Amino acid sequence: MKNLIALLMGLLLAQLTLGQTTTTSMSLAPPQQATEMPAPASDYRAPERKFKKKILATAFAVNKNVQVDDLDAVGQNFPKELLHRLYLTQGFLIRLSPNVLSFNYETEAPSIQLLHQLGTQYDSQFVLSGTLIDANVVTEKKFWGLVENKKRHLILQVELHDVASGSLLGQHRLSQIVDQEILVGKDKPFASNAFFATPYGKAFDQLLEQATHMIVKDLEPIRFYAKIIQVNPDGEVMLDAGANSTVLPGDMFAVFGRQINLSAQGMAHTSIEHQERRLGTLAVIRSQKTLSVAELSADTKVSEVKVGDIVRVESLVGR
């Protein structure tokens, strides 16, 4: 029995000694660092530089002015507020024309000459126009005419054209119906807090948001471009876009010659074919606020490049 107890005591002492040794050796080992997960790409990759596209909005046409007597100059103020919201997206340089350019799909599209004239006059690449089609109040009678329920419609059509080609890029008809407090009052300036606090003002707010998103989506697939406005014999050219469009020295652009074939239709002309031919490349060497100077590459023939040709971005010097 004594021998058995001695054996057990020996085994216990051996385990205690082994445990102390193991603990000591582990405490002496250098601590291991936890494995770190790589940061998401968005955390370390700088965002791509965003070029700003030039967009012009004309005054909107109003089908029946008597329907908007309670609104503050809606034909001028709606496109002005729409431009403001496009500007806040940081993707546009905005211009405003007081003239009306509004066409629906039952009438002729604006001629390329007219679009070119507007784009040149206001230094724009795209023209936004539209029509307030309906702002009428409709009275619904119920229970044999004993109860009247008034509703007010709001129907707008927005159109977006490309100046260079004359093509229609987007056409949207937006609508809302308001059935309470249908009048606004000219004492509430358009797009003011007081205006948007009214039910009909809220309907305008929703249409403005919808139109903003639709225009951004219409122009998203269209790459930024600028026009050549001067060509020098030594190969230097001037572009109609500069630092406020985020064009910087070192940016590389491809040069395209443009040709538009027209067919006569009454007093106007409509584009039936639009062609482009790649002429070469150029590099921006100086950038001012609204203009930039570039140098044609050695393999680009100066004689083939002319005023009115366009350039599209190929590579950037920075982010």
C-alpha atoms as a PDB file:
ATOM      1  CA  MET A   1       0.000   0.000   0.000  1.00  0.00           C
ATOM      2  CA  LYS A   2       2.798   2.383   0.872  1.00  0.00           C
ATOM      3  CA  ASN A   3       4.422   1.604  -2.438  1.00  0.00           C
ATOM      4  CA  LEU A   4       1.204   2.438  -4.330  1.00  0.00           C
ATOM      5  CA  ILE A   5       0.850   5.798  -2.541  1.00  0.00           C
ATOM      6  CA  ALA A   6       4.485   6.645  -3.275  1.00  0.00           C
ATOM      7  CA  LEU A   7       3.969   5.788  -6.940  1.00  0.00           C
ATOM      8  CA  LEU A   8       0.899   8.067  -7.195  1.00  0.00           C
ATOM      9  CA  MET A   9       2.707  10.914  -5.448  1.00  0.00           C
ATOM     10  CA  GLY A  10       5.597  10.546  -7.893  1.00  0.00           C
ATOM     11  CA  LEU A  11       3.278  10.725 -10.880  1.00  0.00           C
ATOM     12  CA  LEU A  12       1.532  13.847  -9.482  1.00  0.00           C
ATOM     13  CA  LEU A  13       4.850  15.624  -8.889  1.00  0.00           C
ATOM     14  CA  ALA A  14       5.981  14.750 -12.437  1.00  0.00           C
ATOM     15  CA  GLN A  15       2.772  16.269 -13.945  1.00  0.00           C
ATOM     16  CA  LEU A  16       3.170  19.458 -11.896  1.00  0.00           C
ATOM     17  CA  THR A  17       6.775  19.821 -12.989  1.00  0.00           C
ATOM     18  CA  LEU A  18       5.848  19.242 -16.656  1.00  0.00           C
ATOM     19  CA  GLY A  19       3.057  21.823 -16.449  1.00  0.00           C
ATOM     20  CA  GLN A  20       5.384  24.447 -14.968  1.00  0.00           C
ATOM     21  CA  THR A  21       7.948  23.778 -17.671  1.00  0.00           C
ATOM     22  CA  THR A  22       5.362  24.094 -20.418  1.00  0.00           C
ATOM     23  CA  THR A  23       4.002  27.310 -18.964  1.00  0.00           C
ATOM     24  CA  THR A  24       7.476  28.779 -18.664  1.00  0.00           C
ATOM     25  CA  SER A  25       8.376  27.904 -22.241  1.00  0.00           C
ATOM     26  CA  MET A  26       5.120  29.407 -23.564  1.00  0.00           C
ATOM     27  CA  SER A  27       5.653  32.639 -21.639  1.00  0.00           C
ATOM     28  CA  LEU A  28       9.083  33.033 -23.169  1.00  0.00           C
ATOM     29  CA  ALA A  29       7.860  32.580 -26.747  1.00  0.00           C
ATOM     30  CA  PRO A  30       7.170  35.870 -28.630  1.00  0.00           C
ATOM     31  CA  PRO A  31       3.429  36.671 -28.854  1.00  0.00           C
ATOM     32  CA  GLN A  32       1.854  35.976 -32.249  1.00  0.00           C
ATOM     33  CA  GLN A  33      -0.100  38.767 -33.942  1.00  0.00           C
ATOM     34  CA  ALA A  34      -3.687  38.166 -35.039  1.00  0.00           C
ATOM     35  CA  THR A  35      -4.176  37.745 -38.768  1.00  0.00           C
ATOM     36  CA  GLU A  36      -5.462  40.980 -40.277  1.00  0.00           C
ATOM     37  CA  MET A  37      -8.114  40.929 -43.006  1.00  0.00           C
ATOM     38  CA  PRO A  38      -7.239  43.085 -46.013  1.00  0.00           C
ATOM     39  CA  ALA A  39      -9.105  46.385 -46.096  1.00  0.00           C
ATOM     40  CA  PRO A  40     -11.909  46.708 -48.683  1.00  0.00           C
ATOM     41  CA  ALA A  41     -10.796  48.167 -51.998  1.00  0.00           C
ATOM     42  CA  SER A  42     -12.818  51.309 -51.346  1.00  0.00           C
ATOM     43  CA  ASP A  43     -10.683  52.035 -48.289  1.00  0.00           C
ATOM     44  CA  TYR A  44      -7.382  52.412 -50.111  1.00  0.00           C
ATOM     45  CA  ARG A  45      -8.225  53.042 -53.760  1.00  0.00           C
ATOM     46  CA  ALA A  46      -8.773  56.670 -54.676  1.00  0.00           C
ATOM     47  CA  PRO A  47     -12.011  57.391 -56.578  1.00  0.00           C
ATOM     48  CA  GLU A  48     -11.769  57.959 -60.312  1.00  0.00           C
ATOM     49  CA  ARG A  49     -11.725  61.600 -61.306  1.00  0.00           C
ATOM     50  CA  LYS A  50     -15.138  62.634 -62.567  1.00  0.00           C
ATOM     51  CA  PHE A  51     -15.427  64.919 -65.577  1.00  0.00           C
ATOM     52  CA  LYS A  52     -18.286  67.402 -65.518  1.00  0.00           C
ATOM     53  CA  LYS A  53     -20.650  67.500 -68.482  1.00  0.00           C
ATOM     54  CA  LYS A  54     -22.124  70.805 -69.652  1.00  0.00           C
ATOM     55  CA  ILE A  55     -25.901  70.891 -69.685  1.00  0.00           C
ATOM     56  CA  LEU A  56     -28.277  73.675 -70.675  1.00  0.00           C
ATOM     57  CA  ALA A  57     -31.917  73.895 -69.630  1.00  0.00           C
ATOM     58  CA  THR A  58     -34.369  76.039 -71.530  1.00  0.00           C
ATOM     59  CA  ALA A  59     -37.546  77.485 -70.081  1.00  0.00           C
ATOM     60  CA  PHE A  60     -40.328  74.893 -70.085  1.00  0.00           C
ATOM     61  CA  ALA A  61     -43.436  75.449 -72.157  1.00  0.00           C
ATOM     62  CA  VAL A  62     -46.804  75.564 -70.370  1.00  0.00           C
ATOM     63  CA  ASN A  63     -49.749  74.147 -72.279  1.00  0.00           C
ATOM     64  CA  LYS A  64     -52.364  76.256 -70.476  1.00  0.00           C
ATOM     65  CA  ASN A  65     -51.156  79.229 -68.456  1.00  0.00           C
ATOM     66  CA  VAL A  66     -54.544  79.613 -66.768  1.00  0.00           C
ATOM     67  CA  GLN A  67     -53.904  76.302 -64.968  1.00  0.00           C
ATOM     68  CA  VAL A  68     -50.803  77.654 -63.208  1.00  0.00           C
ATOM     69  CA  ASP A  69     -52.043  81.054 -62.031  1.00  0.00           C
ATOM     70  CA  ASP A  70     -51.323  80.068 -58.432  1.00  0.00           C
ATOM     71  CA  LEU A  71     -47.708  79.048 -59.145  1.00  0.00           C
ATOM     72  CA  ASP A  72     -44.596  81.233 -59.161  1.00  0.00           C
ATOM     73  CA  ALA A  73     -43.344  81.326 -62.788  1.00  0.00           C
ATOM     74  CA  VAL A  74     -43.265  77.544 -63.023  1.00  0.00           C
ATOM     75  CA  GLY A  75     -42.078  77.522 -66.664  1.00  0.00           C
ATOM     76  CA  GLN A  76     -38.816  79.263 -65.706  1.00  0.00           C
ATOM     77  CA  ASN A  77     -38.406  78.027 -62.135  1.00  0.00           C
ATOM     78  CA  PHE A  78     -38.908  74.298 -62.673  1.00  0.00           C
ATOM     79  CA  PRO A  79     -35.915  73.904 -65.037  1.00  0.00           C
ATOM     80  CA  LYS A  80     -33.880  76.232 -62.808  1.00  0.00           C
ATOM     81  CA  GLU A  81     -34.466  73.979 -59.793  1.00  0.00           C
ATOM     82  CA  LEU A  82     -33.827  70.892 -61.920  1.00  0.00           C
ATOM     83  CA  LEU A  83     -30.450  72.310 -62.943  1.00  0.00           C
ATOM     84  CA  HIS A  84     -29.656  73.023 -59.295  1.00  0.00           C
ATOM     85  CA  ARG A  85     -30.260  69.404 -58.364  1.00  0.00           C
ATOM     86  CA  LEU A  86     -28.142  68.199 -61.274  1.00  0.00           C
ATOM     87  CA  TYR A  87     -25.360  70.518 -60.103  1.00  0.00           C
ATOM     88  CA  LEU A  88     -25.513  68.979 -56.623  1.00  0.00           C
ATOM     89  CA  THR A  89     -24.670  65.577 -58.120  1.00  0.00           C
ATOM     90  CA  GLN A  90     -21.214  67.085 -58.918  1.00  0.00           C
ATOM     91  CA  GLY A  91     -21.366  65.702 -62.428  1.00  0.00           C
ATOM     92  CA  PHE A  92     -22.497  68.776 -64.341  1.00  0.00           C
ATOM     93  CA  LEU A  93     -21.706  72.342 -65.273  1.00  0.00           C
ATOM     94  CA  ILE A  94     -25.077  74.055 -65.668  1.00  0.00           C
ATOM     95  CA  ARG A  95     -26.418  76.797 -67.947  1.00  0.00           C
ATOM     96  CA  LEU A  96     -29.889  78.335 -68.239  1.00  0.00           C
ATOM     97  CA  SER A  97     -31.586  79.803 -71.296  1.00  0.00           C
ATOM     98  CA  PRO A  98     -34.688  82.008 -70.900  1.00  0.00           C
ATOM     99  CA  ASN A  99     -36.018  80.791 -74.248  1.00  0.00           C
ATOM    100  CA  VAL A 100     -38.459  77.939 -74.706  1.00  0.00           C
ATOM    101  CA  LEU A 101     -37.395  74.821 -76.594  1.00  0.00           C
ATOM    102  CA  SER A 102     -40.134  72.268 -76.081  1.00  0.00           C
ATOM    103  CA  PHE A 103     -41.209  69.503 -78.432  1.00  0.00           C
ATOM    104  CA  ASN A 104     -43.336  66.460 -77.813  1.00  0.00           C
ATOM    105  CA  TYR A 105     -43.462  63.336 -79.934  1.00  0.00           C
ATOM    106  CA  GLU A 106     -46.380  64.649 -81.983  1.00  0.00           C
ATOM    107  CA  THR A 107     -44.319  67.518 -83.427  1.00  0.00           C
ATOM    108  CA  GLU A 108     -41.016  67.855 -85.225  1.00  0.00           C
ATOM    109  CA  ALA A 109     -37.835  67.475 -83.227  1.00  0.00           C
ATOM    110  CA  PRO A 110     -35.623  70.552 -82.933  1.00  0.00           C
ATOM    111  CA  SER A 111     -33.267  70.965 -85.846  1.00  0.00           C
ATOM    112  CA  ILE A 112     -29.566  70.300 -85.456  1.00  0.00           C
ATOM    113  CA  GLN A 113     -28.950  73.910 -86.440  1.00  0.00           C
ATOM    114  CA  LEU A 114     -31.051  75.137 -83.523  1.00  0.00           C
ATOM    115  CA  LEU A 115     -29.374  72.781 -81.053  1.00  0.00           C
ATOM    116  CA  HIS A 116     -25.944  73.766 -82.340  1.00  0.00           C
ATOM    117  CA  GLN A 117     -26.845  77.434 -82.000  1.00  0.00           C
ATOM    118  CA  LEU A 118     -27.988  76.981 -78.407  1.00  0.00           C
ATOM    119  CA  GLY A 119     -24.988  74.819 -77.521  1.00  0.00           C
ATOM    120  CA  THR A 120     -22.580  77.379 -78.991  1.00  0.00           C
ATOM    121  CA  GLN A 121     -24.325  80.363 -77.431  1.00  0.00           C
ATOM    122  CA  TYR A 122     -24.389  78.844 -73.942  1.00  0.00           C
ATOM    123  CA  ASP A 123     -21.304  76.580 -74.197  1.00  0.00           C
ATOM    124  CA  SER A 124     -23.232  73.363 -73.597  1.00  0.00           C
ATOM    125  CA  GLN A 125     -23.079  69.755 -74.721  1.00  0.00           C
ATOM    126  CA  PHE A 126     -26.646  68.781 -73.835  1.00  0.00           C
ATOM    127  CA  VAL A 127     -29.959  70.641 -73.955  1.00  0.00           C
ATOM    128  CA  LEU A 128     -32.753  69.925 -71.494  1.00  0.00           C
ATOM    129  CA  SER A 129     -36.257  71.081 -72.419  1.00  0.00           C
ATOM    130  CA  GLY A 130     -39.799  70.223 -71.457  1.00  0.00           C
ATOM    131  CA  THR A 131     -43.484  70.990 -71.218  1.00  0.00           C
ATOM    132  CA  LEU A 132     -45.911  71.295 -68.339  1.00  0.00           C
ATOM    133  CA  ILE A 133     -48.686  69.379 -70.035  1.00  0.00           C
ATOM    134  CA  ASP A 134     -51.423  69.469 -67.416  1.00  0.00           C
ATOM    135  CA  ALA A 135     -52.017  71.155 -64.061  1.00  0.00           C
ATOM    136  CA  ASN A 136     -55.802  70.997 -64.222  1.00  0.00           C
ATOM    137  CA  VAL A 137     -58.230  70.638 -61.321  1.00  0.00           C
ATOM    138  CA  VAL A 138     -60.805  67.874 -61.765  1.00  0.00           C
ATOM    139  CA  THR A 139     -63.960  67.711 -59.640  1.00  0.00           C
ATOM    140  CA  GLU A 140     -65.396  64.297 -58.858  1.00  0.00           C
ATOM    141  CA  LYS A 141     -68.987  64.152 -57.575  1.00  0.00           C
ATOM    142  CA  LYS A 142     -70.207  61.343 -55.369  1.00  0.00           C
ATOM    143  CA  PHE A 143     -73.483  60.384 -53.720  1.00  0.00           C
ATOM    144  CA  TRP A 144     -75.669  61.994 -56.371  1.00  0.00           C
ATOM    145  CA  GLY A 145     -73.611  65.181 -56.347  1.00  0.00           C
ATOM    146  CA  LEU A 146     -73.886  65.781 -52.630  1.00  0.00           C
ATOM    147  CA  VAL A 147     -70.127  65.288 -52.099  1.00  0.00           C
ATOM    148  CA  GLU A 148     -67.428  66.829 -54.261  1.00  0.00           C
ATOM    149  CA  ASN A 149     -63.810  65.663 -54.308  1.00  0.00           C
ATOM    150  CA  LYS A 150     -61.293  67.864 -56.122  1.00  0.00           C
ATOM    151  CA  LYS A 151     -58.071  66.473 -57.531  1.00  0.00           C
ATOM    152  CA  ARG A 152     -55.265  68.271 -59.314  1.00  0.00           C
ATOM    153  CA  HIS A 153     -53.150  66.674 -61.987  1.00  0.00           C
ATOM    154  CA  LEU A 154     -49.473  67.365 -62.592  1.00  0.00           C
ATOM    155  CA  ILE A 155     -48.080  66.008 -65.846  1.00  0.00           C
ATOM    156  CA  LEU A 156     -44.656  67.018 -67.156  1.00  0.00           C
ATOM    157  CA  GLN A 157     -42.638  65.922 -70.151  1.00  0.00           C
ATOM    158  CA  VAL A 158     -38.838  66.243 -70.064  1.00  0.00           C
ATOM    159  CA  GLU A 159     -36.577  65.844 -73.086  1.00  0.00           C
ATOM    160  CA  LEU A 160     -32.796  65.653 -73.364  1.00  0.00           C
ATOM    161  CA  HIS A 161     -30.880  66.262 -76.622  1.00  0.00           C
ATOM    162  CA  ASP A 162     -27.229  65.942 -77.568  1.00  0.00           C
ATOM    163  CA  VAL A 163     -25.973  69.176 -79.156  1.00  0.00           C
ATOM    164  CA  ALA A 164     -23.241  67.645 -81.317  1.00  0.00           C
ATOM    165  CA  SER A 165     -25.375  64.979 -83.014  1.00  0.00           C
ATOM    166  CA  GLY A 166     -28.853  66.423 -82.518  1.00  0.00           C
ATOM    167  CA  SER A 167     -30.051  63.047 -81.236  1.00  0.00           C
ATOM    168  CA  LEU A 168     -32.751  62.612 -78.603  1.00  0.00           C
ATOM    169  CA  LEU A 169     -31.103  60.991 -75.577  1.00  0.00           C
ATOM    170  CA  GLY A 170     -34.105  60.742 -73.304  1.00  0.00           C
ATOM    171  CA  GLN A 171     -37.801  61.556 -73.180  1.00  0.00           C
ATOM    172  CA  HIS A 172     -39.786  61.104 -69.978  1.00  0.00           C
ATOM    173  CA  ARG A 173     -43.391  61.809 -69.016  1.00  0.00           C
ATOM    174  CA  LEU A 174     -43.862  62.209 -65.263  1.00  0.00           C
ATOM    175  CA  SER A 175     -47.143  62.555 -63.411  1.00  0.00           C
ATOM    176  CA  GLN A 176     -48.662  62.991 -59.959  1.00  0.00           C
ATOM    177  CA  ILE A 177     -52.206  63.526 -58.610  1.00  0.00           C
ATOM    178  CA  VAL A 178     -52.941  65.596 -55.506  1.00  0.00           C
ATOM    179  CA  ASP A 179     -56.332  65.382 -53.780  1.00  0.00           C
ATOM    180  CA  GLN A 180     -55.957  67.816 -50.885  1.00  0.00           C
ATOM    181  CA  GLU A 181     -55.075  71.504 -50.595  1.00  0.00           C
ATOM    182  CA  ILE A 182     -54.607  71.637 -54.332  1.00  0.00           C
ATOM    183  CA  LEU A 183     -53.779  75.360 -54.559  1.00  0.00           C
ATOM    184  CA  VAL A 184     -50.349  76.779 -53.700  1.00  0.00           C
ATOM    185  CA  GLY A 185     -50.303  80.580 -54.006  1.00  0.00           C
ATOM    186  CA  LYS A 186     -47.774  82.898 -55.622  1.00  0.00           C
ATOM    187  CA  ASP A 187     -46.762  84.139 -52.170  1.00  0.00           C
ATOM    188  CA  LYS A 188     -44.787  80.879 -51.864  1.00  0.00           C
ATOM    189  CA  PRO A 189     -41.697  81.133 -54.122  1.00  0.00           C
ATOM    190  CA  PHE A 190     -41.100  78.066 -56.254  1.00  0.00           C
ATOM    191  CA  ALA A 191     -38.761  75.553 -54.606  1.00  0.00           C
ATOM    192  CA  SER A 192     -38.911  77.387 -51.248  1.00  0.00           C
ATOM    193  CA  ASN A 193     -39.602  75.526 -48.010  1.00  0.00           C
ATOM    194  CA  ALA A 194     -43.082  77.028 -47.929  1.00  0.00           C
ATOM    195  CA  PHE A 195     -43.715  75.833 -51.479  1.00  0.00           C
ATOM    196  CA  PHE A 196     -42.554  72.270 -50.808  1.00  0.00           C
ATOM    197  CA  ALA A 197     -44.601  72.170 -47.598  1.00  0.00           C
ATOM    198  CA  THR A 198     -47.819  72.253 -49.645  1.00  0.00           C
ATOM    199  CA  PRO A 199     -49.231  68.982 -51.055  1.00  0.00           C
ATOM    200  CA  TYR A 200     -48.914  70.252 -54.638  1.00  0.00           C
ATOM    201  CA  GLY A 201     -45.393  71.496 -53.915  1.00  0.00           C
ATOM    202  CA  LYS A 202     -44.512  68.027 -52.636  1.00  0.00           C
ATOM    203  CA  ALA A 203     -45.730  66.596 -55.946  1.00  0.00           C
ATOM    204  CA  PHE A 204     -43.327  68.941 -57.769  1.00  0.00           C
ATOM    205  CA  ASP A 205     -40.538  67.871 -55.403  1.00  0.00           C
ATOM    206  CA  GLN A 206     -41.119  64.215 -56.283  1.00  0.00           C
ATOM    207  CA  LEU A 207     -41.125  64.950 -60.013  1.00  0.00           C
ATOM    208  CA  LEU A 208     -37.926  66.969 -59.685  1.00  0.00           C
ATOM    209  CA  GLU A 209     -36.222  64.046 -57.951  1.00  0.00           C
ATOM    210  CA  GLN A 210     -37.454  61.614 -60.583  1.00  0.00           C
ATOM    211  CA  ALA A 211     -36.323  63.865 -63.428  1.00  0.00           C
ATOM    212  CA  THR A 212     -32.883  64.338 -61.849  1.00  0.00           C
ATOM    213  CA  HIS A 213     -32.299  60.590 -61.551  1.00  0.00           C
ATOM    214  CA  MET A 214     -33.555  59.957 -65.077  1.00  0.00           C
ATOM    215  CA  ILE A 215     -31.282  62.581 -66.632  1.00  0.00           C
ATOM    216  CA  VAL A 216     -28.257  61.263 -64.733  1.00  0.00           C
ATOM    217  CA  LYS A 217     -29.112  57.767 -65.967  1.00  0.00           C
ATOM    218  CA  ASP A 218     -29.598  59.005 -69.551  1.00  0.00           C
ATOM    219  CA  LEU A 219     -26.151  60.616 -69.589  1.00  0.00           C
ATOM    220  CA  GLU A 220     -24.289  57.986 -67.572  1.00  0.00           C
ATOM    221  CA  PRO A 221     -23.303  55.825 -70.580  1.00  0.00           C
ATOM    222  CA  ILE A 222     -22.199  58.861 -72.611  1.00  0.00           C
ATOM    223  CA  ARG A 223     -18.493  59.472 -72.121  1.00  0.00           C
ATOM    224  CA  PHE A 224     -17.240  62.962 -71.442  1.00  0.00           C
ATOM    225  CA  TYR A 225     -16.189  64.840 -74.546  1.00  0.00           C
ATOM    226  CA  ALA A 226     -14.964  68.303 -75.462  1.00  0.00           C
ATOM    227  CA  LYS A 227     -14.854  70.214 -78.738  1.00  0.00           C
ATOM    228  CA  ILE A 228     -11.843  71.585 -80.562  1.00  0.00           C
ATOM    229  CA  ILE A 229     -12.317  75.332 -80.984  1.00  0.00           C
ATOM    230  CA  GLN A 230      -8.931  76.268 -82.448  1.00  0.00           C
ATOM    231  CA  VAL A 231      -6.245  74.466 -84.447  1.00  0.00           C
ATOM    232  CA  ASN A 232      -2.731  75.885 -84.909  1.00  0.00           C
ATOM    233  CA  PRO A 233      -0.330  74.802 -87.669  1.00  0.00           C
ATOM    234  CA  ASP A 234       2.231  73.678 -85.079  1.00  0.00           C
ATOM    235  CA  GLY A 235      -0.137  70.999 -83.748  1.00  0.00           C
ATOM    236  CA  GLU A 236      -1.446  72.861 -80.716  1.00  0.00           C
ATOM    237  CA  VAL A 237      -5.234  72.887 -80.351  1.00  0.00           C
ATOM    238  CA  MET A 238      -7.611  74.563 -77.934  1.00  0.00           C
ATOM    239  CA  LEU A 239     -10.474  72.695 -76.242  1.00  0.00           C
ATOM    240  CA  ASP A 240     -13.696  74.146 -74.865  1.00  0.00           C
ATOM    241  CA  ALA A 241     -13.241  72.398 -71.492  1.00  0.00           C
ATOM    242  CA  GLY A 242     -10.850  73.259 -68.686  1.00  0.00           C
ATOM    243  CA  ALA A 243     -10.239  72.964 -64.979  1.00  0.00           C
ATOM    244  CA  ASN A 244     -13.878  73.492 -64.007  1.00  0.00           C
ATOM    245  CA  SER A 245     -14.639  70.340 -66.003  1.00  0.00           C
ATOM    246  CA  THR A 246     -11.685  68.670 -64.169  1.00  0.00           C
ATOM    247  CA  VAL A 247      -9.535  68.542 -67.322  1.00  0.00           C
ATOM    248  CA  LEU A 248      -5.892  68.619 -66.177  1.00  0.00           C
ATOM    249  CA  PRO A 249      -2.463  68.799 -67.870  1.00  0.00           C
ATOM    250  CA  GLY A 250      -1.318  65.334 -68.909  1.00  0.00           C
ATOM    251  CA  ASP A 251      -4.767  64.003 -69.733  1.00  0.00           C
ATOM    252  CA  MET A 252      -4.834  62.041 -72.991  1.00  0.00           C
ATOM    253  CA  PHE A 253      -7.778  62.343 -75.382  1.00  0.00           C
ATOM    254  CA  ALA A 254      -8.666  60.584 -78.622  1.00  0.00           C
ATOM    255  CA  VAL A 255      -9.550  62.912 -81.515  1.00  0.00           C
ATOM    256  CA  PHE A 256     -12.596  62.180 -83.683  1.00  0.00           C
ATOM    257  CA  GLY A 257     -13.687  63.891 -86.869  1.00  0.00           C
ATOM    258  CA  ARG A 258     -17.449  64.218 -87.146  1.00  0.00           C
ATOM    259  CA  GLN A 259     -19.708  64.162 -90.162  1.00  0.00           C
ATOM    260  CA  ILE A 260     -23.490  64.556 -90.113  1.00  0.00           C
ATOM    261  CA  ASN A 261     -25.629  63.888 -93.174  1.00  0.00           C
ATOM    262  CA  LEU A 262     -28.910  65.811 -93.198  1.00  0.00           C
ATOM    263  CA  SER A 263     -32.209  65.378 -94.967  1.00  0.00           C
ATOM    264  CA  ALA A 264     -34.484  68.361 -95.575  1.00  0.00           C
ATOM    265  CA  GLN A 265     -37.921  68.363 -93.966  1.00  0.00           C
ATOM    266  CA  GLY A 266     -39.763  71.589 -94.519  1.00  0.00           C
ATOM    267  CA  MET A 267     -38.121  74.509 -92.751  1.00  0.00           C
ATOM    268  CA  ALA A 268     -35.938  72.286 -90.567  1.00  0.00           C
ATOM    269  CA  HIS A 269     -33.328  69.598 -91.061  1.00  0.00           C
ATOM    270  CA  THR A 270     -33.198  66.286 -89.273  1.00  0.00           C
ATOM    271  CA  SER A 271     -30.094  64.161 -88.878  1.00  0.00           C
ATOM    272  CA  ILE A 272     -30.353  60.821 -90.624  1.00  0.00           C
ATOM    273  CA  GLU A 273     -26.743  59.690 -90.266  1.00  0.00           C
ATOM    274  CA  HIS A 274     -23.996  60.527 -87.830  1.00  0.00           C
ATOM    275  CA  GLN A 275     -20.432  59.333 -88.490  1.00  0.00           C
ATOM    276  CA  GLU A 276     -17.159  59.586 -86.574  1.00  0.00           C
ATOM    277  CA  ARG A 277     -13.608  58.840 -87.673  1.00  0.00           C
ATOM    278  CA  ARG A 278     -10.716  58.481 -85.257  1.00  0.00           C
ATOM    279  CA  LEU A 279      -7.919  60.861 -86.256  1.00  0.00           C
ATOM    280  CA  GLY A 280      -5.387  60.271 -83.488  1.00  0.00           C
ATOM    281  CA  THR A 281      -4.653  61.491 -79.977  1.00  0.00           C
ATOM    282  CA  LEU A 282      -3.617  64.598 -78.087  1.00  0.00           C
ATOM    283  CA  ALA A 283      -2.294  65.475 -74.634  1.00  0.00           C
ATOM    284  CA  VAL A 284      -3.387  68.439 -72.520  1.00  0.00           C
ATOM    285  CA  ILE A 285      -0.422  70.703 -71.733  1.00  0.00           C
ATOM    286  CA  ARG A 286      -2.163  73.699 -70.118  1.00  0.00           C
ATOM    287  CA  SER A 287      -5.493  73.987 -68.375  1.00  0.00           C
ATOM    288  CA  GLN A 288      -7.386  77.168 -67.568  1.00  0.00           C
ATOM    289  CA  LYS A 289     -10.803  77.544 -65.948  1.00  0.00           C
ATOM    290  CA  THR A 290     -12.970  76.990 -69.027  1.00  0.00           C
ATOM    291  CA  LEU A 291     -10.392  76.207 -71.734  1.00  0.00           C
ATOM    292  CA  SER A 292      -7.352  74.006 -72.187  1.00  0.00           C
ATOM    293  CA  VAL A 293      -4.485  73.776 -74.663  1.00  0.00           C
ATOM    294  CA  ALA A 294      -3.385  70.403 -75.994  1.00  0.00           C
ATOM    295  CA  GLU A 295      -0.726  69.054 -78.325  1.00  0.00           C
ATOM    296  CA  LEU A 296      -1.483  66.598 -81.087  1.00  0.00           C
ATOM    297  CA  SER A 297       0.540  63.389 -81.054  1.00  0.00           C
ATOM    298  CA  ALA A 298       3.194  62.823 -83.721  1.00  0.00           C
ATOM    299  CA  ASP A 299       1.056  60.283 -85.569  1.00  0.00           C
ATOM    300  CA  THR A 300      -1.935  62.667 -85.816  1.00  0.00           C
ATOM    301  CA  LYS A 301      -2.081  64.744 -88.999  1.00  0.00           C
ATOM    302  CA  VAL A 302      -2.718  68.411 -88.231  1.00  0.00           C
ATOM    303  CA  SER A 303      -4.269  68.877 -91.672  1.00  0.00           C
ATOM    304  CA  GLU A 304      -7.058  66.418 -90.835  1.00  0.00           C
ATOM    305  CA  VAL A 305      -8.047  68.043 -87.525  1.00  0.00           C
ATOM    306  CA  LYS A 306     -10.534  70.903 -87.719  1.00  0.00           C
ATOM    307  CA  VAL A 307     -12.609  73.146 -85.486  1.00  0.00           C
ATOM    308  CA  GLY A 308     -15.711  71.300 -84.335  1.00  0.00           C
ATOM    309  CA  ASP A 309     -14.037  67.888 -84.014  1.00  0.00           C
ATOM    310  CA  ILE A 310     -14.443  66.259 -80.624  1.00  0.00           C
ATOM    311  CA  VAL A 311     -12.097  64.578 -78.165  1.00  0.00           C
ATOM    312  CA  ARG A 312     -12.859  61.824 -75.667  1.00  0.00           C
ATOM    313  CA  VAL A 313     -10.790  60.850 -72.663  1.00  0.00           C
ATOM    314  CA  GLU A 314      -8.362  57.919 -72.962  1.00  0.00           C
ATOM    315  CA  SER A 315      -6.218  58.144 -69.833  1.00  0.00           C
ATOM    316  CA  LEU A 316      -5.775  60.338 -66.753  1.00  0.00           C
ATOM    317  CA  VAL A 317      -2.642  61.653 -65.102  1.00  0.00           C
ATOM    318  CA  GLY A 318      -4.084  61.573 -61.600  1.00  0.00           C
ATOM    319  CA  ARG A 319      -7.042  60.820 -59.478  1.00  0.00           C
END
